[in-house]
PDB file of N, CA and C in Angstrom:
ATOM      1  N   MET A   1     208.682 137.931 126.919  1.00  0.00           N
ATOM      2  CA  MET A   1     210.045 137.230 127.020  1.00  0.00           C
ATOM      3  C   MET A   1     209.864 135.989 126.220  1.00  0.00           C
ATOM      4  N   ALA A   2     210.875 135.622 125.372  1.00  0.00           N
ATOM      5  CA  ALA A   2     210.978 134.461 124.618  1.00  0.00           C
ATOM      6  C   ALA A   2     210.855 133.141 125.528  1.00  0.00           C
ATOM      7  N   ARG A   3     210.311 132.206 124.868  1.00  0.00           N
ATOM      8  CA  ARG A   3     210.178 130.935 125.694  1.00  0.00           C
ATOM      9  C   ARG A   3     211.417 129.933 125.375  1.00  0.00           C
ATOM     10  N   GLN A   4     211.957 129.341 126.322  1.00  0.00           N
ATOM     11  CA  GLN A   4     213.038 128.593 126.112  1.00  0.00           C
ATOM     12  C   GLN A   4     212.666 127.168 125.521  1.00  0.00           C
ATOM     13  N   ARG A   5     213.280 126.636 124.407  1.00  0.00           N
ATOM     14  CA  ARG A   5     213.011 125.458 123.958  1.00  0.00           C
ATOM     15  C   ARG A   5     214.213 124.482 124.599  1.00  0.00           C
ATOM     16  N   ARG A   6     213.736 123.276 124.722  1.00  0.00           N
ATOM     17  CA  ARG A   6     214.721 122.299 125.200  1.00  0.00           C
ATOM     18  C   ARG A   6     216.152 122.357 124.588  1.00  0.00           C
ATOM     19  N   GLY A   7     217.138 122.674 125.413  1.00  0.00           N
ATOM     20  CA  GLY A   7     218.428 122.623 124.987  1.00  0.00           C
ATOM     21  C   GLY A   7     218.959 123.961 124.135  1.00  0.00           C
ATOM     22  N   GLN A   8     218.016 124.767 124.064  1.00  0.00           N
ATOM     23  CA  GLN A   8     218.461 126.153 123.302  1.00  0.00           C
ATOM     24  C   GLN A   8     218.345 127.354 124.219  1.00  0.00           C
ATOM     25  N   PRO A   9     219.163 128.253 123.950  1.00  0.00           N
ATOM     26  CA  PRO A   9     219.303 129.433 124.844  1.00  0.00           C
ATOM     27  C   PRO A   9     217.965 130.273 124.522  1.00  0.00           C
ATOM     28  N   VAL A  10     217.593 130.986 125.558  1.00  0.00           N
ATOM     29  CA  VAL A  10     216.568 132.075 125.491  1.00  0.00           C
ATOM     30  C   VAL A  10     217.134 133.158 124.702  1.00  0.00           C
ATOM     31  N   MET A  11     216.415 133.624 123.547  1.00  0.00           N
ATOM     32  CA  MET A  11     216.760 134.795 122.844  1.00  0.00           C
ATOM     33  C   MET A  11     215.564 135.840 122.754  1.00  0.00           C
ATOM     34  N   GLU A  12     215.898 137.014 123.042  1.00  0.00           N
ATOM     35  CA  GLU A  12     214.797 137.965 122.823  1.00  0.00           C
ATOM     36  C   GLU A  12     214.493 138.313 121.227  1.00  0.00           C
ATOM     37  N   PRO A  13     213.228 138.702 121.008  1.00  0.00           N
ATOM     38  CA  PRO A  13     213.084 139.055 119.549  1.00  0.00           C
ATOM     39  C   PRO A  13     214.037 140.229 119.262  1.00  0.00           C
ATOM     40  N   GLY A  14     214.595 140.104 117.982  1.00  0.00           N
ATOM     41  CA  GLY A  14     215.425 141.113 117.427  1.00  0.00           C
ATOM     42  C   GLY A  14     216.813 140.851 117.868  1.00  0.00           C
ATOM     43  N   ALA A  15     217.166 139.732 118.552  1.00  0.00           N
ATOM     44  CA  ALA A  15     218.545 139.508 118.981  1.00  0.00           C
ATOM     45  C   ALA A  15     219.380 139.103 117.993  1.00  0.00           C
ATOM     46  N   LEU A  16     218.913 138.397 117.005  1.00  0.00           N
ATOM     47  CA  LEU A  16     219.769 137.823 115.917  1.00  0.00           C
ATOM     48  C   LEU A  16     220.259 138.961 114.963  1.00  0.00           C
ATOM     49  N   PRO A  17     221.434 138.860 114.628  1.00  0.00           N
ATOM     50  CA  PRO A  17     222.031 139.862 113.596  1.00  0.00           C
ATOM     51  C   PRO A  17     221.191 140.092 112.549  1.00  0.00           C
ATOM     52  N   VAL A  18     220.645 139.192 111.750  1.00  0.00           N
ATOM     53  CA  VAL A  18     219.861 139.376 110.671  1.00  0.00           C
ATOM     54  C   VAL A  18     218.494 140.043 110.990  1.00  0.00           C
ATOM     55  N   GLU A  19     217.893 139.903 112.193  1.00  0.00           N
ATOM     56  CA  GLU A  19     216.746 140.672 112.568  1.00  0.00           C
ATOM     57  C   GLU A  19     217.015 142.179 112.728  1.00  0.00           C
ATOM     58  N   ARG A  20     218.142 142.325 113.495  1.00  0.00           N
ATOM     59  CA  ARG A  20     218.698 143.754 113.543  1.00  0.00           C
ATOM     60  C   ARG A  20     218.915 144.504 112.205  1.00  0.00           C
ATOM     61  N   GLU A  21     219.495 143.686 111.425  1.00  0.00           N
ATOM     62  CA  GLU A  21     219.683 144.207 110.025  1.00  0.00           C
ATOM     63  C   GLU A  21     218.494 144.563 109.291  1.00  0.00           C
ATOM     64  N   LEU A  22     217.527 143.636 109.338  1.00  0.00           N
ATOM     65  CA  LEU A  22     216.231 143.986 108.764  1.00  0.00           C
ATOM     66  C   LEU A  22     215.484 145.136 109.424  1.00  0.00           C
ATOM     67  N   ALA A  23     215.524 145.187 110.587  1.00  0.00           N
ATOM     68  CA  ALA A  23     214.842 146.277 111.360  1.00  0.00           C
ATOM     69  C   ALA A  23     215.377 147.558 110.905  1.00  0.00           C
ATOM     70  N   ALA A  24     216.830 147.629 110.753  1.00  0.00           N
ATOM     71  CA  ALA A  24     217.446 148.877 110.349  1.00  0.00           C
ATOM     72  C   ALA A  24     217.171 149.160 108.819  1.00  0.00           C
ATOM     73  N   LEU A  25     217.053 148.250 108.129  1.00  0.00           N
ATOM     74  CA  LEU A  25     216.541 148.353 106.641  1.00  0.00           C
ATOM     75  C   LEU A  25     215.214 148.862 106.659  1.00  0.00           C
ATOM     76  N   ALA A  26     214.389 148.386 107.455  1.00  0.00           N
ATOM     77  CA  ALA A  26     212.963 148.773 107.452  1.00  0.00           C
ATOM     78  C   ALA A  26     212.965 150.397 107.860  1.00  0.00           C
ATOM     79  N   ARG A  27     213.749 150.773 108.722  1.00  0.00           N
ATOM     80  CA  ARG A  27     213.779 152.117 109.243  1.00  0.00           C
ATOM     81  C   ARG A  27     214.239 153.004 107.997  1.00  0.00           C
ATOM     82  N   GLU A  28     215.213 152.595 107.403  1.00  0.00           N
ATOM     83  CA  GLU A  28     215.845 153.286 106.220  1.00  0.00           C
ATOM     84  C   GLU A  28     214.659 153.456 105.145  1.00  0.00           C
ATOM     85  N   LEU A  29     213.913 152.497 104.946  1.00  0.00           N
ATOM     86  CA  LEU A  29     212.967 152.442 103.813  1.00  0.00           C
ATOM     87  C   LEU A  29     211.513 153.190 104.211  1.00  0.00           C
ATOM     88  N   ASP A  30     211.494 153.586 105.374  1.00  0.00           N
ATOM     89  CA  ASP A  30     210.338 154.289 106.001  1.00  0.00           C
ATOM     90  C   ASP A  30     210.294 155.655 105.544  1.00  0.00           C
ATOM     91  N   PRO A  31     209.271 156.064 104.752  1.00  0.00           N
ATOM     92  CA  PRO A  31     209.265 157.407 104.094  1.00  0.00           C
ATOM     93  C   PRO A  31     208.956 158.493 105.133  1.00  0.00           C
ATOM     94  N   SER A  32     208.579 158.109 106.345  1.00  0.00           N
ATOM     95  CA  SER A  32     208.329 159.079 107.414  1.00  0.00           C
ATOM     96  C   SER A  32     209.666 159.401 108.180  1.00  0.00           C
ATOM     97  N   ARG A  33     210.622 158.755 107.853  1.00  0.00           N
ATOM     98  CA  ARG A  33     212.030 159.106 108.493  1.00  0.00           C
ATOM     99  C   ARG A  33     213.090 159.250 107.389  1.00  0.00           C
ATOM    100  N   LEU A  34     214.143 160.071 107.879  1.00  0.00           N
ATOM    101  CA  LEU A  34     215.256 160.304 106.967  1.00  0.00           C
ATOM    102  C   LEU A  34     216.128 159.105 106.962  1.00  0.00           C
ATOM    103  N   SER A  35     216.753 158.925 105.792  1.00  0.00           N
ATOM    104  CA  SER A  35     217.817 157.894 105.748  1.00  0.00           C
ATOM    105  C   SER A  35     219.002 158.230 106.616  1.00  0.00           C
ATOM    106  N   SER A  36     219.839 157.301 106.831  1.00  0.00           N
ATOM    107  CA  SER A  36     221.160 157.501 107.601  1.00  0.00           C
ATOM    108  C   SER A  36     222.057 158.629 106.927  1.00  0.00           C
ATOM    109  N   ALA A  37     222.144 158.574 105.589  1.00  0.00           N
ATOM    110  CA  ALA A  37     222.825 159.396 104.885  1.00  0.00           C
ATOM    111  C   ALA A  37     222.182 160.915 105.073  1.00  0.00           C
ATOM    112  N   ASP A  38     221.024 160.906 105.007  1.00  0.00           N
ATOM    113  CA  ASP A  38     220.310 162.278 105.137  1.00  0.00           C
ATOM    114  C   ASP A  38     220.382 162.850 106.489  1.00  0.00           C
ATOM    115  N   VAL A  39     220.379 162.022 107.468  1.00  0.00           N
ATOM    116  CA  VAL A  39     220.699 162.464 108.844  1.00  0.00           C
ATOM    117  C   VAL A  39     221.950 162.997 109.110  1.00  0.00           C
ATOM    118  N   ALA A  40     222.960 162.333 108.446  1.00  0.00           N
ATOM    119  CA  ALA A  40     224.479 162.675 108.643  1.00  0.00           C
ATOM    120  C   ALA A  40     224.512 164.090 107.859  1.00  0.00           C
ATOM    121  N   GLN A  41     223.920 164.249 106.769  1.00  0.00           N
ATOM    122  CA  GLN A  41     224.118 165.569 106.160  1.00  0.00           C
ATOM    123  C   GLN A  41     223.441 166.650 106.877  1.00  0.00           C
ATOM    124  N   ALA A  42     222.193 166.306 107.472  1.00  0.00           N
ATOM    125  CA  ALA A  42     221.688 167.381 108.328  1.00  0.00           C
ATOM    126  C   ALA A  42     222.423 167.649 109.566  1.00  0.00           C
ATOM    127  N   ARG A  43     223.020 166.728 110.182  1.00  0.00           N
ATOM    128  CA  ARG A  43     223.958 166.949 111.295  1.00  0.00           C
ATOM    129  C   ARG A  43     225.040 167.737 110.926  1.00  0.00           C
ATOM    130  N   GLN A  44     225.705 167.558 109.801  1.00  0.00           N
ATOM    131  CA  GLN A  44     226.819 168.360 109.349  1.00  0.00           C
ATOM    132  C   GLN A  44     226.373 169.787 109.175  1.00  0.00           C
ATOM    133  N   ARG A  45     225.196 170.001 108.460  1.00  0.00           N
ATOM    134  CA  ARG A  45     224.598 171.389 108.262  1.00  0.00           C
ATOM    135  C   ARG A  45     224.393 172.040 109.745  1.00  0.00           C
ATOM    136  N   ARG A  46     223.838 171.241 110.635  1.00  0.00           N
ATOM    137  CA  ARG A  46     223.548 171.833 112.038  1.00  0.00           C
ATOM    138  C   ARG A  46     224.793 172.244 112.667  1.00  0.00           C
ATOM    139  N   ILE A  47     225.937 171.428 112.652  1.00  0.00           N
ATOM    140  CA  ILE A  47     227.134 171.793 113.218  1.00  0.00           C
ATOM    141  C   ILE A  47     227.720 173.092 112.643  1.00  0.00           C
ATOM    142  N   ALA A  48     227.667 173.211 111.259  1.00  0.00           N
ATOM    143  CA  ALA A  48     228.103 174.343 110.656  1.00  0.00           C
ATOM    144  C   ALA A  48     227.331 175.577 111.080  1.00  0.00           C
ATOM    145  N   ALA A  49     225.966 175.507 111.087  1.00  0.00           N
ATOM    146  CA  ALA A  49     225.137 176.564 111.499  1.00  0.00           C
ATOM    147  C   ALA A  49     225.460 176.972 112.847  1.00  0.00           C
ATOM    148  N   MET A  50     225.628 175.979 113.662  1.00  0.00           N
ATOM    149  CA  MET A  50     226.078 176.399 115.104  1.00  0.00           C
ATOM    150  C   MET A  50     227.256 177.149 115.309  1.00  0.00           C
ATOM    151  N   ARG A  51     228.167 176.824 114.466  1.00  0.00           N
ATOM    152  CA  ARG A  51     229.531 177.533 114.442  1.00  0.00           C
ATOM    153  C   ARG A  51     229.139 179.037 114.014  1.00  0.00           C
ATOM    154  N   LEU A  52     228.369 179.216 112.977  1.00  0.00           N
ATOM    155  CA  LEU A  52     228.068 180.496 112.522  1.00  0.00           C
ATOM    156  C   LEU A  52     227.261 181.378 113.591  1.00  0.00           C
ATOM    157  N   GLN A  53     226.316 180.532 114.263  1.00  0.00           N
ATOM    158  CA  GLN A  53     225.623 181.397 115.293  1.00  0.00           C
ATOM    159  C   GLN A  53     226.555 181.839 116.452  1.00  0.00           C
ATOM    160  N   GLU A  54     227.466 180.880 116.800  1.00  0.00           N
ATOM    161  CA  GLU A  54     228.532 181.242 117.752  1.00  0.00           C
ATOM    162  C   GLU A  54     229.387 182.437 117.292  1.00  0.00           C
ATOM    163  N   ILE A  55     229.846 182.470 116.167  1.00  0.00           N
ATOM    164  CA  ILE A  55     230.622 183.615 115.643  1.00  0.00           C
ATOM    165  C   ILE A  55     229.888 184.982 115.701  1.00  0.00           C
ATOM    166  N   GLU A  56     228.453 184.791 115.408  1.00  0.00           N
ATOM    167  CA  GLU A  56     227.596 185.968 115.394  1.00  0.00           C
ATOM    168  C   GLU A  56     227.215 186.446 116.892  1.00  0.00           C
ATOM    169  N   GLY A  57     227.792 185.604 117.759  1.00  0.00           N
ATOM    170  CA  GLY A  57     227.322 186.015 119.143  1.00  0.00           C
ATOM    171  C   GLY A  57     226.030 185.588 119.601  1.00  0.00           C
ATOM    172  N   ASN A  58     225.423 184.545 118.925  1.00  0.00           N
ATOM    173  CA  ASN A  58     224.163 184.150 119.303  1.00  0.00           C
ATOM    174  C   ASN A  58     224.107 182.569 119.223  1.00  0.00           C
ATOM    175  N   PRO A  59     224.881 181.991 120.164  1.00  0.00           N
ATOM    176  CA  PRO A  59     225.050 180.468 120.083  1.00  0.00           C
ATOM    177  C   PRO A  59     223.584 179.916 120.637  1.00  0.00           C
ATOM    178  N   LEU A  60     223.520 178.596 120.116  1.00  0.00           N
ATOM    179  CA  LEU A  60     222.275 177.855 120.574  1.00  0.00           C
ATOM    180  C   LEU A  60     222.310 177.545 122.104  1.00  0.00           C
ATOM    181  N   ASP A  61     221.368 177.501 122.759  1.00  0.00           N
ATOM    182  CA  ASP A  61     221.193 177.083 124.226  1.00  0.00           C
ATOM    183  C   ASP A  61     221.144 175.543 124.191  1.00  0.00           C
ATOM    184  N   ALA A  62     221.425 175.009 125.413  1.00  0.00           N
ATOM    185  CA  ALA A  62     221.466 173.488 125.523  1.00  0.00           C
ATOM    186  C   ALA A  62     220.092 172.839 125.137  1.00  0.00           C
ATOM    187  N   GLU A  63     218.867 173.578 125.326  1.00  0.00           N
ATOM    188  CA  GLU A  63     217.613 173.078 124.985  1.00  0.00           C
ATOM    189  C   GLU A  63     217.518 172.990 123.498  1.00  0.00           C
ATOM    190  N   GLN A  64     217.947 173.986 122.853  1.00  0.00           N
ATOM    191  CA  GLN A  64     218.062 174.102 121.318  1.00  0.00           C
ATOM    192  C   GLN A  64     218.769 172.927 120.717  1.00  0.00           C
ATOM    193  N   VAL A  65     219.943 172.802 121.348  1.00  0.00           N
ATOM    194  CA  VAL A  65     220.856 171.723 120.688  1.00  0.00           C
ATOM    195  C   VAL A  65     220.239 170.362 120.873  1.00  0.00           C
ATOM    196  N   ALA A  66     219.691 170.195 122.137  1.00  0.00           N
ATOM    197  CA  ALA A  66     218.987 168.857 122.435  1.00  0.00           C
ATOM    198  C   ALA A  66     217.893 168.642 121.501  1.00  0.00           C
ATOM    199  N   MET A  67     217.144 169.728 121.113  1.00  0.00           N
ATOM    200  CA  MET A  67     216.096 169.439 120.152  1.00  0.00           C
ATOM    201  C   MET A  67     216.525 168.983 118.814  1.00  0.00           C
ATOM    202  N   PHE A  68     217.593 169.718 118.414  1.00  0.00           N
ATOM    203  CA  PHE A  68     218.153 169.286 117.043  1.00  0.00           C
ATOM    204  C   PHE A  68     218.673 167.873 117.014  1.00  0.00           C
ATOM    205  N   GLU A  69     219.320 167.501 118.201  1.00  0.00           N
ATOM    206  CA  GLU A  69     219.792 166.151 118.324  1.00  0.00           C
ATOM    207  C   GLU A  69     218.810 165.209 118.302  1.00  0.00           C
ATOM    208  N   MET A  70     217.648 165.532 118.935  1.00  0.00           N
ATOM    209  CA  MET A  70     216.493 164.545 118.915  1.00  0.00           C
ATOM    210  C   MET A  70     215.917 164.406 117.518  1.00  0.00           C
ATOM    211  N   PHE A  71     216.031 165.586 116.781  1.00  0.00           N
ATOM    212  CA  PHE A  71     215.599 165.375 115.336  1.00  0.00           C
ATOM    213  C   PHE A  71     216.430 164.275 114.520  1.00  0.00           C
ATOM    214  N   GLU A  72     217.762 164.432 114.804  1.00  0.00           N
ATOM    215  CA  GLU A  72     218.664 163.560 114.131  1.00  0.00           C
ATOM    216  C   GLU A  72     218.560 162.219 114.779  1.00  0.00           C
ATOM    217  N   ARG A  73     218.348 162.032 115.970  1.00  0.00           N
ATOM    218  CA  ARG A  73     218.333 160.631 116.610  1.00  0.00           C
ATOM    219  C   ARG A  73     217.047 159.897 116.145  1.00  0.00           C
ATOM    220  N   GLU A  74     216.064 160.692 116.027  1.00  0.00           N
ATOM    221  CA  GLU A  74     214.787 160.059 115.551  1.00  0.00           C
ATOM    222  C   GLU A  74     214.574 160.070 114.141  1.00  0.00           C
ATOM    223  N   ALA A  75     215.430 160.644 113.332  1.00  0.00           N
ATOM    224  CA  ALA A  75     215.459 160.682 111.886  1.00  0.00           C
ATOM    225  C   ALA A  75     214.152 161.380 111.440  1.00  0.00           C
ATOM    226  N   TRP A  76     213.773 162.577 112.027  1.00  0.00           N
ATOM    227  CA  TRP A  76     212.665 163.314 111.599  1.00  0.00           C
ATOM    228  C   TRP A  76     212.892 163.831 110.237  1.00  0.00           C
ATOM    229  N   THR A  77     211.869 163.853 109.336  1.00  0.00           N
ATOM    230  CA  THR A  77     211.898 164.470 108.045  1.00  0.00           C
ATOM    231  C   THR A  77     211.967 165.923 108.241  1.00  0.00           C
ATOM    232  N   HIS A  78     212.513 166.715 107.162  1.00  0.00           N
ATOM    233  CA  HIS A  78     212.621 168.119 107.241  1.00  0.00           C
ATOM    234  C   HIS A  78     211.199 168.675 107.392  1.00  0.00           C
ATOM    235  N   GLU A  79     210.139 168.186 106.727  1.00  0.00           N
ATOM    236  CA  GLU A  79     208.883 168.581 106.880  1.00  0.00           C
ATOM    237  C   GLU A  79     208.274 168.480 108.343  1.00  0.00           C
ATOM    238  N   ARG A  80     208.716 167.272 108.936  1.00  0.00           N
ATOM    239  CA  ARG A  80     208.181 167.201 110.380  1.00  0.00           C
ATOM    240  C   ARG A  80     208.847 168.169 111.273  1.00  0.00           C
ATOM    241  N   ARG A  81     210.185 168.448 111.014  1.00  0.00           N
ATOM    242  CA  ARG A  81     211.017 169.452 111.873  1.00  0.00           C
ATOM    243  C   ARG A  81     210.370 170.736 111.726  1.00  0.00           C
ATOM    244  N   LEU A  82     210.120 171.143 110.457  1.00  0.00           N
ATOM    245  CA  LEU A  82     209.480 172.406 110.251  1.00  0.00           C
ATOM    246  C   LEU A  82     208.158 172.642 110.917  1.00  0.00           C
ATOM    247  N   ALA A  83     207.302 171.553 110.869  1.00  0.00           N
ATOM    248  CA  ALA A  83     206.078 171.688 111.388  1.00  0.00           C
ATOM    249  C   ALA A  83     206.105 171.874 113.015  1.00  0.00           C
ATOM    250  N   TYR A  84     207.125 171.083 113.487  1.00  0.00           N
ATOM    251  CA  TYR A  84     207.350 171.048 115.022  1.00  0.00           C
ATOM    252  C   TYR A  84     207.910 172.443 115.345  1.00  0.00           C
ATOM    253  N   LEU A  85     208.722 173.107 114.682  1.00  0.00           N
ATOM    254  CA  LEU A  85     209.382 174.405 114.931  1.00  0.00           C
ATOM    255  C   LEU A  85     208.323 175.460 114.803  1.00  0.00           C
ATOM    256  N   LEU A  86     207.455 175.384 113.822  1.00  0.00           N
ATOM    257  CA  LEU A  86     206.298 176.419 113.630  1.00  0.00           C
ATOM    258  C   LEU A  86     205.363 176.290 114.784  1.00  0.00           C
ATOM    259  N   ALA A  87     205.016 175.046 115.068  1.00  0.00           N
ATOM    260  CA  ALA A  87     204.110 174.955 116.248  1.00  0.00           C
ATOM    261  C   ALA A  87     204.715 175.482 117.533  1.00  0.00           C
ATOM    262  N   ARG A  88     205.909 175.149 117.797  1.00  0.00           N
ATOM    263  CA  ARG A  88     206.695 175.741 118.915  1.00  0.00           C
ATOM    264  C   ARG A  88     206.681 177.210 118.965  1.00  0.00           C
ATOM    265  N   ALA A  89     206.968 177.820 117.761  1.00  0.00           N
ATOM    266  CA  ALA A  89     207.129 179.239 117.715  1.00  0.00           C
ATOM    267  C   ALA A  89     205.629 179.883 117.934  1.00  0.00           C
ATOM    268  N   ARG A  90     204.622 179.260 117.362  1.00  0.00           N
ATOM    269  CA  ARG A  90     203.316 179.860 117.635  1.00  0.00           C
ATOM    270  C   ARG A  90     202.897 179.692 119.040  1.00  0.00           C
ATOM    271  N   SER A  91     203.250 178.584 119.662  1.00  0.00           N
ATOM    272  CA  SER A  91     202.939 178.331 121.022  1.00  0.00           C
ATOM    273  C   SER A  91     203.686 179.411 122.026  1.00  0.00           C
ATOM    274  N   ARG A  92     204.781 179.622 121.641  1.00  0.00           N
ATOM    275  CA  ARG A  92     205.596 180.668 122.524  1.00  0.00           C
ATOM    276  C   ARG A  92     205.165 182.058 122.198  1.00  0.00           C
ATOM    277  N   ALA A  93     204.711 182.341 121.054  1.00  0.00           N
ATOM    278  CA  ALA A  93     204.174 183.608 120.654  1.00  0.00           C
ATOM    279  C   ALA A  93     202.959 183.946 121.342  1.00  0.00           C
ATOM    280  N   ALA A  94     202.145 182.899 121.526  1.00  0.00           N
ATOM    281  CA  ALA A  94     200.865 183.066 122.248  1.00  0.00           C
ATOM    282  C   ALA A  94     200.839 183.244 123.681  1.00  0.00           C
ATOM    283  N   GLU A  95     201.976 182.854 124.248  1.00  0.00           N
ATOM    284  CA  GLU A  95     202.153 183.082 125.751  1.00  0.00           C
ATOM    285  C   GLU A  95     202.148 184.478 126.117  1.00  0.00           C
TER     286      GLU A  95
END
């Protein structure tokens, strides 16, 4: 918790707008994460693919949707997503 200086309000780290903007910029420049634009494109593709799966009678279940939403929320790269999906498939195949 931030210490209060005489006559000044207590502010948590990252509470200033410029600090939030810098943190957002740092996330955008992190090569281990997708940019906001890339996440938005991936989300659009996921929604389109979900519609096609539904049309074909094979809709995603709630767990699968939650997994893809996690990928988007955490801005995982496509390589990281693929590695996760392959590990998950191998694990399930070994059961």
